[in-house]
C-alpha atoms as a PDB file:
ATOM      1  CA  MET A   1       0.032  13.624  13.598  1.00  0.00           C
ATOM      2  CA  ASN A   2      -1.292  10.142  13.529  1.00  0.00           C
ATOM      3  CA  VAL A   3       0.915   7.223  12.434  1.00  0.00           C
ATOM      4  CA  VAL A   4      -0.362   3.833  11.252  1.00  0.00           C
ATOM      5  CA  PHE A   5       1.523   0.706  10.496  1.00  0.00           C
ATOM      6  CA  LEU A   6      -0.211  -1.688   8.113  1.00  0.00           C
ATOM      7  CA  VAL A   7       1.163  -5.103   7.421  1.00  0.00           C
ATOM      8  CA  GLY A   8      -0.508  -7.058   4.623  1.00  0.00           C
ATOM      9  CA  ARG A   9      -0.458  -8.165   1.068  1.00  0.00           C
ATOM     10  CA  LEU A  10      -0.738  -6.058  -2.083  1.00  0.00           C
ATOM     11  CA  GLY A  11      -3.790  -6.592  -4.248  1.00  0.00           C
ATOM     12  CA  GLN A  12      -1.942  -5.515  -7.377  1.00  0.00           C
ATOM     13  CA  ASP A  13       1.387  -3.936  -8.401  1.00  0.00           C
ATOM     14  CA  PRO A  14       1.705  -0.316  -7.425  1.00  0.00           C
ATOM     15  CA  GLU A  15       0.461   2.315  -9.866  1.00  0.00           C
ATOM     16  CA  ILE A  16       3.326   4.827 -10.241  1.00  0.00           C
ATOM     17  CA  LYS A  17       2.659   8.393 -11.641  1.00  0.00           C
ATOM     18  CA  TYR A  18       5.458  10.971 -12.336  1.00  0.00           C
ATOM     19  CA  PHE A  19       4.409  14.655 -12.627  1.00  0.00           C
ATOM     20  CA  GLU A  20       6.140  17.393 -14.600  1.00  0.00           C
ATOM     21  CA  SER A  21       6.863  19.153 -11.328  1.00  0.00           C
ATOM     22  CA  GLY A  22       9.096  16.189 -10.387  1.00  0.00           C
ATOM     23  CA  SER A  23       6.697  14.738  -7.824  1.00  0.00           C
ATOM     24  CA  VAL A  24       6.043  11.075  -7.706  1.00  0.00           C
ATOM     25  CA  LYS A  25       2.936   9.295  -6.545  1.00  0.00           C
ATOM     26  CA  ALA A  26       2.345   5.651  -5.868  1.00  0.00           C
ATOM     27  CA  ARG A  27      -1.125   4.083  -5.347  1.00  0.00           C
ATOM     28  CA  PHE A  28      -1.879   0.450  -4.248  1.00  0.00           C
ATOM     29  CA  SER A  29      -4.431  -1.569  -2.393  1.00  0.00           C
ATOM     30  CA  LEU A  30      -3.371  -3.435   0.722  1.00  0.00           C
ATOM     31  CA  ALA A  31      -5.123  -6.539   2.204  1.00  0.00           C
ATOM     32  CA  VAL A  32      -4.859  -6.919   6.007  1.00  0.00           C
ATOM     33  CA  ASP A  33      -6.255  -9.887   7.724  1.00  0.00           C
ATOM     34  CA  ARG A  34      -8.054  -9.455  11.029  1.00  0.00           C
ATOM     35  CA  THR A  35      -8.966 -12.370  13.318  1.00  0.00           C
ATOM     36  CA  LEU A  36     -12.408 -12.363  14.855  1.00  0.00           C
ATOM     37  CA  SER A  37     -12.253 -15.682  16.620  1.00  0.00           C
ATOM     38  CA  LYS A  38     -10.151 -18.974  16.255  1.00  0.00           C
ATOM     39  CA  THR A  39     -12.114 -19.867  13.092  1.00  0.00           C
ATOM     40  CA  ASP A  40     -13.208 -16.542  11.602  1.00  0.00           C
ATOM     41  CA  LYS A  41     -10.923 -14.203   9.657  1.00  0.00           C
ATOM     42  CA  VAL A  42     -11.936 -10.971   7.892  1.00  0.00           C
ATOM     43  CA  THR A  43      -9.808  -9.197   5.207  1.00  0.00           C
ATOM     44  CA  ASP A  44      -9.796  -5.405   5.290  1.00  0.00           C
ATOM     45  CA  TRP A  45      -8.729  -3.490   2.132  1.00  0.00           C
ATOM     46  CA  PHE A  46      -6.967  -0.236   2.389  1.00  0.00           C
ATOM     47  CA  ASN A  47      -6.346   2.089  -0.554  1.00  0.00           C
ATOM     48  CA  VAL A  48      -2.935   3.651  -0.049  1.00  0.00           C
ATOM     49  CA  GLU A  49      -1.385   6.669  -1.769  1.00  0.00           C
ATOM     50  CA  VAL A  50       2.188   7.548  -1.095  1.00  0.00           C
ATOM     51  CA  TRP A  51       4.083  10.717  -2.305  1.00  0.00           C
ATOM     52  CA  GLY A  52       7.747  11.722  -2.778  1.00  0.00           C
ATOM     53  CA  LYS A  53      10.850   9.697  -1.945  1.00  0.00           C
ATOM     54  CA  PRO A  54       8.844   6.803  -0.250  1.00  0.00           C
ATOM     55  CA  ALA A  55       6.809   6.469  -3.595  1.00  0.00           C
ATOM     56  CA  GLU A  56      10.091   6.152  -5.411  1.00  0.00           C
ATOM     57  CA  ILE A  57      11.227   3.294  -3.081  1.00  0.00           C
ATOM     58  CA  ILE A  58       7.822   1.639  -3.444  1.00  0.00           C
ATOM     59  CA  ALA A  59       8.093   1.833  -7.318  1.00  0.00           C
ATOM     60  CA  GLU A  60      11.504   0.126  -7.099  1.00  0.00           C
ATOM     61  CA  TYR A  61      11.038  -2.549  -4.500  1.00  0.00           C
ATOM     62  CA  VAL A  62       7.285  -3.358  -3.912  1.00  0.00           C
ATOM     63  CA  LYS A  63       5.540  -5.845  -6.271  1.00  0.00           C
ATOM     64  CA  LYS A  64       2.577  -8.172  -5.851  1.00  0.00           C
ATOM     65  CA  GLY A  65       3.470 -11.665  -4.813  1.00  0.00           C
END
């Protein structure tokens, strides 16, 4: 199993979807800055999709800004 920790800023509020089966899905984009040199920065964008209990926590606590 691979584990990745991304620290960044949300591009927009998470999109939450509830399914009839009771499952929950949260989708959002995350901007992560990467420093190339002292003067150059690049922003990488990640599309993130989270399922289950973590998605419920994101729906309650995570907002843009």
